[in-house]
Amino acid sequence: MAKARSKTPPRELASVLDFIRYAVTRFAEGKVTFGQGTEDPVEEAIFLVAEALGLPITRTDPFLAARLTAAERQRVFALIEQRVTRRVPAAYLLKRAYLQGVPFYVDERVIIPRSYIAELLNGGLFAGDSPLIEPTEVTRALDLCTGSGCLAVLASHTFPHAQVDAVEISKDALAVAKINVAEHGLEDRIKLHKGDLFGPVGDAVYDVIISNPPYVDAKAVASLPAEFAKEPELAHAGGRDGLDIVRRIIAEAPAHLSPQGGLLCEIGRGRAILERDFPQLDFLWVDTEESSGEVFWITAEGLRG
C-alpha cells in the first residue's frame, strides 16, 4: 500500500523559491495538464505561489529568497497538493486569472480566460498607421459568448469611446462577468445581456463584433483532460465538428454590423472546414504569438458577399 502523503509541508520548504521548485516537481509527478492561463509547469508554479502570497506574478525575482510564515507555508502547500491530487485548475484555486496582464475574477462557473483575441485587442490590429478599424471611431461593440466578461473589458480599453454589449447564455457565467465589470469600474460602459447570440440585442448595429465562442468538437469534448473537464461543458461544446456556433455567428452578423464594421472571431483549428463551407467569403486570418489561422477578421462588406 502506498504511503499517505503528509498534509504538512516539509521543513526544507521555507522560501518562495523553495515552494516554486517543489510545485514544479509535484506537477511533473502528478502529470497535470496546463493550458488554462499558463503553458508549462514553471509558469504554473510561479503563478500559483505568487498569487497565493499576493506577490506580482511577473516580478517574483526580488521575493525568491523571502521566507514564508507558518500560515503561508501551510496554505501554499495545500494549494499545490489540491492542484495535483484533485486536478483543479490553478485559476479556480486562486479565483484569479490574467489576460494580457489584466486581472479577472474566475470560478467554476466560467471557462478560464485564454483567448487569442485578447492579444489582438492589445496589439497592432487596431493601432498604428493602418488599423483594421480606427479604434476612436468605434461607438458600439458587441462581445458574443462573453463568459467571464474578459474580452468585453479589454474591448472597452481598445475602443475608448465605445459602449459595449456583452451577451452570454449562461446565467452563472453572467454572474461572474458582472463581478469583473464592477471590479474594473465599467458598469457605465458595458451592458450584460442573457441570451443566445444576437437574440438579446434585437436589431442593434455595431462597429465591431468580437467572439470567442465554444468551438471544441464533440469527440474532443468527450476526452478532455481532467482540468479542462472541470470547466463548464457549455463553454467548450461546439457541435460535431466544433463550428456550429461559428456558422450561426457568420450567418447572423451581417444584420448587426455597420457598413464599415467587422467581425473578429476565434475558431480553434477549424480553418479548413470554415473555408470549405464558406468559399465565397474572404477571411483575413490573423496570427498571434501562440496561434496561426485560429482567428479571422471579416468586414461587413465581406460578410455580405
C-alpha atoms as a PDB file:
ATOM      1  CA  MET A   1       0.000   0.000   0.000  1.00  0.00           C
ATOM      2  CA  ALA A   2       1.334   3.435  -0.954  1.00  0.00           C
ATOM      3  CA  LYS A   3       2.337   5.632   1.921  1.00  0.00           C
ATOM      4  CA  ALA A   4      -0.071   8.520   2.529  1.00  0.00           C
ATOM      5  CA  ARG A   5       1.429  11.874   1.632  1.00  0.00           C
ATOM      6  CA  SER A   6       1.866  14.315   4.518  1.00  0.00           C
ATOM      7  CA  LYS A   7      -0.502  17.246   4.802  1.00  0.00           C
ATOM      8  CA  THR A   8       2.238  19.320   6.388  1.00  0.00           C
ATOM      9  CA  PRO A   9       4.955  20.955   4.277  1.00  0.00           C
ATOM     10  CA  PRO A  10       8.459  19.531   4.770  1.00  0.00           C
ATOM     11  CA  ARG A  11      10.759  21.668   6.926  1.00  0.00           C
ATOM     12  CA  GLU A  12      13.059  22.150   3.936  1.00  0.00           C
ATOM     13  CA  LEU A  13      10.412  24.266   2.209  1.00  0.00           C
ATOM     14  CA  ALA A  14      10.997  27.741   3.565  1.00  0.00           C
ATOM     15  CA  SER A  15      11.371  30.344   0.819  1.00  0.00           C
ATOM     16  CA  VAL A  16       9.301  31.428  -2.161  1.00  0.00           C
ATOM     17  CA  LEU A  17      11.814  29.739  -4.447  1.00  0.00           C
ATOM     18  CA  ASP A  18      11.606  26.517  -2.435  1.00  0.00           C
ATOM     19  CA  PHE A  19       7.863  26.321  -2.964  1.00  0.00           C
ATOM     20  CA  ILE A  20       8.102  27.166  -6.667  1.00  0.00           C
ATOM     21  CA  ARG A  21      10.693  24.419  -7.148  1.00  0.00           C
ATOM     22  CA  TYR A  22       8.609  21.970  -5.129  1.00  0.00           C
ATOM     23  CA  ALA A  23       5.482  22.797  -7.151  1.00  0.00           C
ATOM     24  CA  VAL A  24       7.285  22.149 -10.437  1.00  0.00           C
ATOM     25  CA  THR A  25       8.386  18.742  -9.149  1.00  0.00           C
ATOM     26  CA  ARG A  26       4.910  17.824  -7.895  1.00  0.00           C
ATOM     27  CA  PHE A  27       3.291  18.896 -11.170  1.00  0.00           C
ATOM     28  CA  ALA A  28       5.664  16.611 -13.069  1.00  0.00           C
ATOM     29  CA  GLU A  29       4.991  13.733 -10.679  1.00  0.00           C
ATOM     30  CA  GLY A  30       1.246  14.238 -10.948  1.00  0.00           C
ATOM     31  CA  LYS A  31       1.292  14.620 -14.735  1.00  0.00           C
ATOM     32  CA  VAL A  32      -1.002  17.624 -14.515  1.00  0.00           C
ATOM     33  CA  THR A  33      -2.192  19.346 -17.678  1.00  0.00           C
ATOM     34  CA  PHE A  34      -1.541  23.001 -18.484  1.00  0.00           C
ATOM     35  CA  GLY A  35      -3.039  25.476 -20.945  1.00  0.00           C
ATOM     36  CA  GLN A  36      -5.561  27.300 -18.756  1.00  0.00           C
ATOM     37  CA  GLY A  37      -3.680  30.550 -18.382  1.00  0.00           C
ATOM     38  CA  THR A  38      -0.209  29.001 -18.110  1.00  0.00           C
ATOM     39  CA  GLU A  39       1.676  26.861 -20.600  1.00  0.00           C
ATOM     40  CA  ASP A  40       4.210  24.863 -18.577  1.00  0.00           C
ATOM     41  CA  PRO A  41       4.958  23.693 -15.009  1.00  0.00           C
ATOM     42  CA  VAL A  42       7.329  26.566 -14.199  1.00  0.00           C
ATOM     43  CA  GLU A  43       4.852  29.241 -15.295  1.00  0.00           C
ATOM     44  CA  GLU A  44       2.073  27.467 -13.403  1.00  0.00           C
ATOM     45  CA  ALA A  45       4.183  27.152 -10.236  1.00  0.00           C
ATOM     46  CA  ILE A  46       5.139  30.829 -10.287  1.00  0.00           C
ATOM     47  CA  PHE A  47       1.507  31.831 -10.790  1.00  0.00           C
ATOM     48  CA  LEU A  48       0.185  29.610  -8.008  1.00  0.00           C
ATOM     49  CA  VAL A  49       2.804  30.534  -5.402  1.00  0.00           C
ATOM     50  CA  ALA A  50       2.985  34.246  -6.214  1.00  0.00           C
ATOM     51  CA  GLU A  51      -0.766  34.746  -6.439  1.00  0.00           C
ATOM     52  CA  ALA A  52      -1.329  32.843  -3.199  1.00  0.00           C
ATOM     53  CA  LEU A  53       1.142  35.153  -1.440  1.00  0.00           C
ATOM     54  CA  GLY A  54      -0.122  38.350  -3.035  1.00  0.00           C
ATOM     55  CA  LEU A  55       3.094  38.863  -4.997  1.00  0.00           C
ATOM     56  CA  PRO A  56       3.308  40.261  -8.550  1.00  0.00           C
ATOM     57  CA  ILE A  57       3.322  37.214 -10.801  1.00  0.00           C
ATOM     58  CA  THR A  58       5.562  38.857 -13.412  1.00  0.00           C
ATOM     59  CA  ARG A  59       8.119  40.213 -10.922  1.00  0.00           C
ATOM     60  CA  THR A  60       8.883  37.437  -8.455  1.00  0.00           C
ATOM     61  CA  ASP A  61      12.699  37.708  -8.553  1.00  0.00           C
ATOM     62  CA  PRO A  62      13.018  40.214  -5.661  1.00  0.00           C
ATOM     63  CA  PHE A  63      10.987  37.875  -3.435  1.00  0.00           C
ATOM     64  CA  LEU A  64      12.511  34.481  -4.255  1.00  0.00           C
ATOM     65  CA  ALA A  65      14.637  34.339  -1.096  1.00  0.00           C
ATOM     66  CA  ALA A  66      11.854  35.573   1.182  1.00  0.00           C
ATOM     67  CA  ARG A  67      10.784  33.063   3.835  1.00  0.00           C
ATOM     68  CA  LEU A  68       7.127  32.235   4.321  1.00  0.00           C
ATOM     69  CA  THR A  69       5.281  32.404   7.619  1.00  0.00           C
ATOM     70  CA  ALA A  70       3.888  29.194   9.083  1.00  0.00           C
ATOM     71  CA  ALA A  71       0.397  30.043   7.870  1.00  0.00           C
ATOM     72  CA  GLU A  72       1.656  30.913   4.384  1.00  0.00           C
ATOM     73  CA  ARG A  73       3.634  27.659   4.176  1.00  0.00           C
ATOM     74  CA  GLN A  74       0.572  25.613   5.056  1.00  0.00           C
ATOM     75  CA  ARG A  75      -1.689  27.440   2.598  1.00  0.00           C
ATOM     76  CA  VAL A  76       0.688  27.273  -0.365  1.00  0.00           C
ATOM     77  CA  PHE A  77       1.495  23.628   0.316  1.00  0.00           C
ATOM     78  CA  ALA A  78      -2.223  22.776   0.446  1.00  0.00           C
ATOM     79  CA  LEU A  79      -2.860  24.578  -2.847  1.00  0.00           C
ATOM     80  CA  ILE A  80      -0.075  22.676  -4.583  1.00  0.00           C
ATOM     81  CA  GLU A  81      -1.483  19.379  -3.322  1.00  0.00           C
ATOM     82  CA  GLN A  82      -5.004  20.277  -4.442  1.00  0.00           C
ATOM     83  CA  ARG A  83      -3.696  21.201  -7.863  1.00  0.00           C
ATOM     84  CA  VAL A  84      -2.086  17.768  -8.199  1.00  0.00           C
ATOM     85  CA  THR A  85      -4.425  15.389  -6.385  1.00  0.00           C
ATOM     86  CA  ARG A  86      -7.743  16.923  -7.410  1.00  0.00           C
ATOM     87  CA  ARG A  87      -6.554  18.269 -10.795  1.00  0.00           C
ATOM     88  CA  VAL A  88      -8.227  21.596 -10.084  1.00  0.00           C
ATOM     89  CA  PRO A  89      -7.002  24.390 -12.388  1.00  0.00           C
ATOM     90  CA  ALA A  90      -4.847  26.896 -10.519  1.00  0.00           C
ATOM     91  CA  ALA A  91      -7.076  29.769 -11.611  1.00  0.00           C
ATOM     92  CA  TYR A  92     -10.025  28.174  -9.827  1.00  0.00           C
ATOM     93  CA  LEU A  93      -7.991  27.563  -6.687  1.00  0.00           C
ATOM     94  CA  LEU A  94      -6.900  31.212  -6.574  1.00  0.00           C
ATOM     95  CA  LYS A  95     -10.120  32.714  -8.026  1.00  0.00           C
ATOM     96  CA  ARG A  96      -7.929  34.746 -10.382  1.00  0.00           C
ATOM     97  CA  ALA A  97      -6.753  34.726 -13.982  1.00  0.00           C
ATOM     98  CA  TYR A  98      -4.804  37.188 -16.090  1.00  0.00           C
ATOM     99  CA  LEU A  99      -5.292  38.095 -19.719  1.00  0.00           C
ATOM    100  CA  GLN A 100      -2.712  40.421 -21.257  1.00  0.00           C
ATOM    101  CA  GLY A 101      -1.667  41.249 -17.709  1.00  0.00           C
ATOM    102  CA  VAL A 102      -5.190  42.315 -16.729  1.00  0.00           C
ATOM    103  CA  PRO A 103      -6.613  40.509 -13.666  1.00  0.00           C
ATOM    104  CA  PHE A 104     -10.021  38.852 -13.696  1.00  0.00           C
ATOM    105  CA  TYR A 105     -12.075  37.047 -11.076  1.00  0.00           C
ATOM    106  CA  VAL A 106     -12.880  33.456 -12.083  1.00  0.00           C
ATOM    107  CA  ASP A 107     -14.511  30.425 -10.543  1.00  0.00           C
ATOM    108  CA  GLU A 108     -16.009  27.141 -11.722  1.00  0.00           C
ATOM    109  CA  ARG A 109     -18.980  28.915 -13.310  1.00  0.00           C
ATOM    110  CA  VAL A 110     -16.879  30.129 -16.256  1.00  0.00           C
ATOM    111  CA  ILE A 111     -14.201  28.940 -18.613  1.00  0.00           C
ATOM    112  CA  ILE A 112     -10.779  30.239 -17.587  1.00  0.00           C
ATOM    113  CA  PRO A 113      -9.867  33.247 -19.799  1.00  0.00           C
ATOM    114  CA  ARG A 114      -7.361  32.387 -22.549  1.00  0.00           C
ATOM    115  CA  SER A 115      -8.391  33.922 -25.860  1.00  0.00           C
ATOM    116  CA  TYR A 116      -6.035  34.844 -28.686  1.00  0.00           C
ATOM    117  CA  ILE A 117      -8.354  37.776 -29.315  1.00  0.00           C
ATOM    118  CA  ALA A 118      -7.020  39.383 -26.134  1.00  0.00           C
ATOM    119  CA  GLU A 119      -3.579  39.747 -27.713  1.00  0.00           C
ATOM    120  CA  LEU A 120      -5.112  41.158 -30.886  1.00  0.00           C
ATOM    121  CA  LEU A 121      -7.132  43.731 -28.963  1.00  0.00           C
ATOM    122  CA  ASN A 122      -3.992  44.702 -27.079  1.00  0.00           C
ATOM    123  CA  GLY A 123      -1.722  44.641 -30.138  1.00  0.00           C
ATOM    124  CA  GLY A 124      -1.434  46.266 -33.520  1.00  0.00           C
ATOM    125  CA  LEU A 125      -4.675  45.315 -35.259  1.00  0.00           C
ATOM    126  CA  PHE A 126      -6.387  48.444 -34.035  1.00  0.00           C
ATOM    127  CA  ALA A 127      -3.338  50.702 -33.781  1.00  0.00           C
ATOM    128  CA  GLY A 128      -0.591  52.136 -35.973  1.00  0.00           C
ATOM    129  CA  ASP A 129      -0.899  53.697 -39.411  1.00  0.00           C
ATOM    130  CA  SER A 130      -3.378  51.223 -40.895  1.00  0.00           C
ATOM    131  CA  PRO A 131      -5.622  49.678 -38.234  1.00  0.00           C
ATOM    132  CA  LEU A 132      -8.370  47.291 -39.280  1.00  0.00           C
ATOM    133  CA  ILE A 133     -10.730  49.911 -37.951  1.00  0.00           C
ATOM    134  CA  GLU A 134      -9.952  53.218 -36.280  1.00  0.00           C
ATOM    135  CA  PRO A 135     -10.476  52.491 -32.545  1.00  0.00           C
ATOM    136  CA  THR A 136     -11.535  56.018 -31.604  1.00  0.00           C
ATOM    137  CA  GLU A 137     -14.345  55.876 -34.189  1.00  0.00           C
ATOM    138  CA  VAL A 138     -15.905  52.735 -32.704  1.00  0.00           C
ATOM    139  CA  THR A 139     -19.024  53.803 -30.823  1.00  0.00           C
ATOM    140  CA  ARG A 140     -20.652  50.405 -30.281  1.00  0.00           C
ATOM    141  CA  ALA A 141     -19.046  46.993 -29.826  1.00  0.00           C
ATOM    142  CA  LEU A 142     -20.512  43.559 -29.144  1.00  0.00           C
ATOM    143  CA  ASP A 143     -18.906  40.616 -27.370  1.00  0.00           C
ATOM    144  CA  LEU A 144     -20.732  37.358 -28.040  1.00  0.00           C
ATOM    145  CA  CYS A 145     -20.292  34.414 -25.641  1.00  0.00           C
ATOM    146  CA  THR A 146     -18.658  36.749 -23.148  1.00  0.00           C
ATOM    147  CA  GLY A 147     -18.148  34.190 -20.365  1.00  0.00           C
ATOM    148  CA  SER A 148     -16.267  35.973 -17.590  1.00  0.00           C
ATOM    149  CA  GLY A 149     -16.566  39.278 -19.445  1.00  0.00           C
ATOM    150  CA  CYS A 150     -12.818  39.472 -20.008  1.00  0.00           C
ATOM    151  CA  LEU A 151     -12.913  40.358 -23.712  1.00  0.00           C
ATOM    152  CA  ALA A 152     -15.636  42.943 -23.132  1.00  0.00           C
ATOM    153  CA  VAL A 153     -13.382  44.609 -20.555  1.00  0.00           C
ATOM    154  CA  LEU A 154     -10.380  44.561 -22.894  1.00  0.00           C
ATOM    155  CA  ALA A 155     -12.532  45.851 -25.761  1.00  0.00           C
ATOM    156  CA  SER A 156     -13.568  48.813 -23.636  1.00  0.00           C
ATOM    157  CA  HIS A 157      -9.867  49.659 -23.292  1.00  0.00           C
ATOM    158  CA  THR A 158      -9.154  49.260 -27.016  1.00  0.00           C
ATOM    159  CA  PHE A 159     -12.199  51.263 -28.096  1.00  0.00           C
ATOM    160  CA  PRO A 160     -12.251  54.126 -25.574  1.00  0.00           C
ATOM    161  CA  HIS A 161     -15.444  55.759 -26.879  1.00  0.00           C
ATOM    162  CA  ALA A 162     -17.481  52.594 -27.338  1.00  0.00           C
ATOM    163  CA  GLN A 163     -20.452  51.292 -25.456  1.00  0.00           C
ATOM    164  CA  VAL A 164     -20.017  47.522 -25.214  1.00  0.00           C
ATOM    165  CA  ASP A 165     -22.794  44.942 -25.152  1.00  0.00           C
ATOM    166  CA  ALA A 166     -21.757  41.533 -23.807  1.00  0.00           C
ATOM    167  CA  VAL A 167     -24.005  38.515 -24.401  1.00  0.00           C
ATOM    168  CA  GLU A 168     -23.874  35.172 -22.578  1.00  0.00           C
ATOM    169  CA  ILE A 169     -26.365  32.306 -22.494  1.00  0.00           C
ATOM    170  CA  SER A 170     -25.296  31.050 -19.037  1.00  0.00           C
ATOM    171  CA  LYS A 171     -26.738  32.930 -16.067  1.00  0.00           C
ATOM    172  CA  ASP A 172     -23.907  31.569 -13.906  1.00  0.00           C
ATOM    173  CA  ALA A 173     -21.264  32.939 -16.252  1.00  0.00           C
ATOM    174  CA  LEU A 174     -23.069  36.277 -16.367  1.00  0.00           C
ATOM    175  CA  ALA A 175     -22.847  36.474 -12.577  1.00  0.00           C
ATOM    176  CA  VAL A 176     -19.057  36.214 -12.874  1.00  0.00           C
ATOM    177  CA  ALA A 177     -18.987  38.744 -15.710  1.00  0.00           C
ATOM    178  CA  LYS A 178     -20.914  41.153 -13.500  1.00  0.00           C
ATOM    179  CA  ILE A 179     -18.181  40.848 -10.856  1.00  0.00           C
ATOM    180  CA  ASN A 180     -15.483  41.654 -13.393  1.00  0.00           C
ATOM    181  CA  VAL A 181     -17.322  44.584 -14.921  1.00  0.00           C
ATOM    182  CA  ALA A 182     -17.711  46.035 -11.428  1.00  0.00           C
ATOM    183  CA  GLU A 183     -14.093  45.321 -10.428  1.00  0.00           C
ATOM    184  CA  HIS A 184     -12.909  47.267 -13.464  1.00  0.00           C
ATOM    185  CA  GLY A 185     -15.346  50.130 -12.870  1.00  0.00           C
ATOM    186  CA  LEU A 186     -17.054  49.710 -16.257  1.00  0.00           C
ATOM    187  CA  GLU A 187     -20.718  49.492 -15.294  1.00  0.00           C
ATOM    188  CA  ASP A 188     -21.434  52.644 -17.296  1.00  0.00           C
ATOM    189  CA  ARG A 189     -19.836  51.286 -20.482  1.00  0.00           C
ATOM    190  CA  ILE A 190     -20.513  47.536 -20.524  1.00  0.00           C
ATOM    191  CA  LYS A 191     -24.043  46.187 -20.559  1.00  0.00           C
ATOM    192  CA  LEU A 192     -24.534  42.480 -19.899  1.00  0.00           C
ATOM    193  CA  HIS A 193     -27.283  40.530 -21.670  1.00  0.00           C
ATOM    194  CA  LYS A 194     -28.515  36.989 -21.048  1.00  0.00           C
ATOM    195  CA  GLY A 195     -29.455  35.065 -24.122  1.00  0.00           C
ATOM    196  CA  ASP A 196     -28.424  33.220 -27.263  1.00  0.00           C
ATOM    197  CA  LEU A 197     -26.041  35.124 -29.553  1.00  0.00           C
ATOM    198  CA  PHE A 198     -27.791  38.105 -31.194  1.00  0.00           C
ATOM    199  CA  GLY A 199     -31.199  37.375 -29.660  1.00  0.00           C
ATOM    200  CA  PRO A 200     -30.943  39.751 -26.682  1.00  0.00           C
ATOM    201  CA  VAL A 201     -29.751  42.783 -28.706  1.00  0.00           C
ATOM    202  CA  GLY A 202     -32.671  42.971 -31.122  1.00  0.00           C
ATOM    203  CA  ASP A 203     -31.774  44.920 -34.256  1.00  0.00           C
ATOM    204  CA  ALA A 204     -28.784  46.741 -32.739  1.00  0.00           C
ATOM    205  CA  VAL A 205     -25.897  47.555 -35.078  1.00  0.00           C
ATOM    206  CA  TYR A 206     -22.208  47.563 -34.107  1.00  0.00           C
ATOM    207  CA  ASP A 207     -18.919  48.808 -35.492  1.00  0.00           C
ATOM    208  CA  VAL A 208     -17.058  45.781 -34.113  1.00  0.00           C
ATOM    209  CA  ILE A 209     -18.266  42.325 -33.103  1.00  0.00           C
ATOM    210  CA  ILE A 210     -15.862  40.038 -31.260  1.00  0.00           C
ATOM    211  CA  SER A 211     -16.448  36.454 -30.219  1.00  0.00           C
ATOM    212  CA  ASN A 212     -14.569  33.566 -28.668  1.00  0.00           C
ATOM    213  CA  PRO A 213     -17.420  31.036 -28.898  1.00  0.00           C
ATOM    214  CA  PRO A 214     -17.408  27.354 -27.943  1.00  0.00           C
ATOM    215  CA  TYR A 215     -15.531  25.552 -30.732  1.00  0.00           C
ATOM    216  CA  VAL A 216     -14.439  22.152 -29.386  1.00  0.00           C
ATOM    217  CA  ASP A 217     -15.753  19.245 -31.447  1.00  0.00           C
ATOM    218  CA  ALA A 218     -17.862  16.527 -29.831  1.00  0.00           C
ATOM    219  CA  LYS A 219     -15.123  13.888 -29.876  1.00  0.00           C
ATOM    220  CA  ALA A 220     -12.645  16.204 -28.163  1.00  0.00           C
ATOM    221  CA  VAL A 221     -15.200  17.311 -25.557  1.00  0.00           C
ATOM    222  CA  ALA A 222     -15.692  13.662 -24.590  1.00  0.00           C
ATOM    223  CA  SER A 223     -11.971  13.205 -23.967  1.00  0.00           C
ATOM    224  CA  LEU A 224     -10.927  16.467 -22.307  1.00  0.00           C
ATOM    225  CA  PRO A 225      -8.157  16.268 -19.671  1.00  0.00           C
ATOM    226  CA  ALA A 226      -9.377  16.368 -16.080  1.00  0.00           C
ATOM    227  CA  GLU A 227      -8.558  20.058 -15.612  1.00  0.00           C
ATOM    228  CA  PHE A 228     -10.446  21.123 -18.733  1.00  0.00           C
ATOM    229  CA  ALA A 229     -13.381  18.870 -17.869  1.00  0.00           C
ATOM    230  CA  LYS A 230     -13.874  20.932 -14.712  1.00  0.00           C
ATOM    231  CA  GLU A 231     -14.827  23.931 -16.850  1.00  0.00           C
ATOM    232  CA  PRO A 232     -18.480  24.288 -17.922  1.00  0.00           C
ATOM    233  CA  GLU A 233     -19.113  21.958 -20.858  1.00  0.00           C
ATOM    234  CA  LEU A 234     -21.319  24.644 -22.397  1.00  0.00           C
ATOM    235  CA  ALA A 235     -18.226  26.796 -22.848  1.00  0.00           C
ATOM    236  CA  HIS A 236     -16.476  24.090 -24.901  1.00  0.00           C
ATOM    237  CA  ALA A 237     -19.130  22.261 -26.902  1.00  0.00           C
ATOM    238  CA  GLY A 238     -19.304  23.484 -30.488  1.00  0.00           C
ATOM    239  CA  GLY A 239     -21.168  20.554 -32.024  1.00  0.00           C
ATOM    240  CA  ARG A 240     -19.997  17.641 -34.126  1.00  0.00           C
ATOM    241  CA  ASP A 241     -17.136  19.454 -35.843  1.00  0.00           C
ATOM    242  CA  GLY A 242     -16.891  22.313 -33.363  1.00  0.00           C
ATOM    243  CA  LEU A 243     -18.191  25.048 -35.658  1.00  0.00           C
ATOM    244  CA  ASP A 244     -21.971  25.026 -35.154  1.00  0.00           C
ATOM    245  CA  ILE A 245     -21.982  28.319 -33.242  1.00  0.00           C
ATOM    246  CA  VAL A 246     -19.390  29.920 -35.501  1.00  0.00           C
ATOM    247  CA  ARG A 247     -21.586  29.219 -38.531  1.00  0.00           C
ATOM    248  CA  ARG A 248     -24.530  30.901 -36.830  1.00  0.00           C
ATOM    249  CA  ILE A 249     -22.445  33.954 -35.984  1.00  0.00           C
ATOM    250  CA  ILE A 250     -21.292  34.286 -39.600  1.00  0.00           C
ATOM    251  CA  ALA A 251     -24.862  33.941 -40.863  1.00  0.00           C
ATOM    252  CA  GLU A 252     -26.385  36.436 -38.432  1.00  0.00           C
ATOM    253  CA  ALA A 253     -23.606  39.023 -38.090  1.00  0.00           C
ATOM    254  CA  PRO A 254     -24.274  40.980 -41.342  1.00  0.00           C
ATOM    255  CA  ALA A 255     -27.576  42.299 -39.987  1.00  0.00           C
ATOM    256  CA  HIS A 256     -25.762  43.700 -36.942  1.00  0.00           C
ATOM    257  CA  LEU A 257     -22.718  45.365 -38.499  1.00  0.00           C
ATOM    258  CA  SER A 258     -22.387  48.963 -39.605  1.00  0.00           C
ATOM    259  CA  PRO A 259     -21.186  49.416 -43.224  1.00  0.00           C
ATOM    260  CA  GLN A 260     -17.555  49.945 -42.158  1.00  0.00           C
ATOM    261  CA  GLY A 261     -17.679  47.389 -39.349  1.00  0.00           C
ATOM    262  CA  GLY A 262     -16.170  43.941 -38.949  1.00  0.00           C
ATOM    263  CA  LEU A 263     -16.229  40.639 -37.105  1.00  0.00           C
ATOM    264  CA  LEU A 264     -13.253  39.256 -35.138  1.00  0.00           C
ATOM    265  CA  CYS A 265     -13.829  35.603 -34.233  1.00  0.00           C
ATOM    266  CA  GLU A 266     -11.759  32.780 -32.736  1.00  0.00           C
ATOM    267  CA  ILE A 267     -12.491  29.310 -34.096  1.00  0.00           C
ATOM    268  CA  GLY A 268      -9.734  26.968 -32.961  1.00  0.00           C
ATOM    269  CA  ARG A 269      -8.364  24.642 -35.630  1.00  0.00           C
ATOM    270  CA  GLY A 270     -11.349  24.623 -37.951  1.00  0.00           C
ATOM    271  CA  ARG A 271      -9.993  26.899 -40.674  1.00  0.00           C
ATOM    272  CA  ALA A 272     -10.126  24.303 -43.451  1.00  0.00           C
ATOM    273  CA  ILE A 273     -13.707  23.387 -42.584  1.00  0.00           C
ATOM    274  CA  LEU A 274     -14.818  27.005 -42.488  1.00  0.00           C
ATOM    275  CA  GLU A 275     -13.184  27.864 -45.806  1.00  0.00           C
ATOM    276  CA  ARG A 276     -14.836  24.793 -47.337  1.00  0.00           C
ATOM    277  CA  ASP A 277     -18.269  25.777 -46.019  1.00  0.00           C
ATOM    278  CA  PHE A 278     -17.970  29.475 -46.942  1.00  0.00           C
ATOM    279  CA  PRO A 279     -15.880  29.606 -50.144  1.00  0.00           C
ATOM    280  CA  GLN A 280     -17.464  32.929 -51.107  1.00  0.00           C
ATOM    281  CA  LEU A 281     -16.146  34.735 -48.025  1.00  0.00           C
ATOM    282  CA  ASP A 282     -12.759  36.437 -47.918  1.00  0.00           C
ATOM    283  CA  PHE A 283     -11.495  35.709 -44.408  1.00  0.00           C
ATOM    284  CA  LEU A 284      -8.441  37.565 -43.163  1.00  0.00           C
ATOM    285  CA  TRP A 285      -6.623  35.077 -40.920  1.00  0.00           C
ATOM    286  CA  VAL A 286      -4.776  36.832 -38.138  1.00  0.00           C
ATOM    287  CA  ASP A 287      -1.865  35.147 -36.385  1.00  0.00           C
ATOM    288  CA  THR A 288      -0.737  35.747 -32.807  1.00  0.00           C
ATOM    289  CA  GLU A 289       2.400  34.793 -30.918  1.00  0.00           C
ATOM    290  CA  GLU A 290       0.852  31.432 -29.991  1.00  0.00           C
ATOM    291  CA  SER A 291      -1.522  30.715 -32.881  1.00  0.00           C
ATOM    292  CA  SER A 292      -1.780  30.570 -36.657  1.00  0.00           C
ATOM    293  CA  GLY A 293      -5.051  30.522 -38.558  1.00  0.00           C
ATOM    294  CA  GLU A 294      -7.273  30.321 -35.485  1.00  0.00           C
ATOM    295  CA  VAL A 295      -8.747  33.850 -35.565  1.00  0.00           C
ATOM    296  CA  PHE A 296     -10.335  35.609 -38.514  1.00  0.00           C
ATOM    297  CA  TRP A 297     -11.392  39.159 -39.293  1.00  0.00           C
ATOM    298  CA  ILE A 298     -14.004  39.819 -41.928  1.00  0.00           C
ATOM    299  CA  THR A 299     -15.611  43.100 -42.832  1.00  0.00           C
ATOM    300  CA  ALA A 300     -19.332  43.770 -43.048  1.00  0.00           C
ATOM    301  CA  GLU A 301     -18.955  44.104 -46.804  1.00  0.00           C
ATOM    302  CA  GLY A 302     -17.084  40.817 -46.983  1.00  0.00           C
ATOM    303  CA  LEU A 303     -19.771  39.007 -44.995  1.00  0.00           C
ATOM    304  CA  ARG A 304     -22.472  40.216 -47.331  1.00  0.00           C
ATOM    305  CA  GLY A 305     -20.618  38.739 -50.299  1.00  0.00           C
END
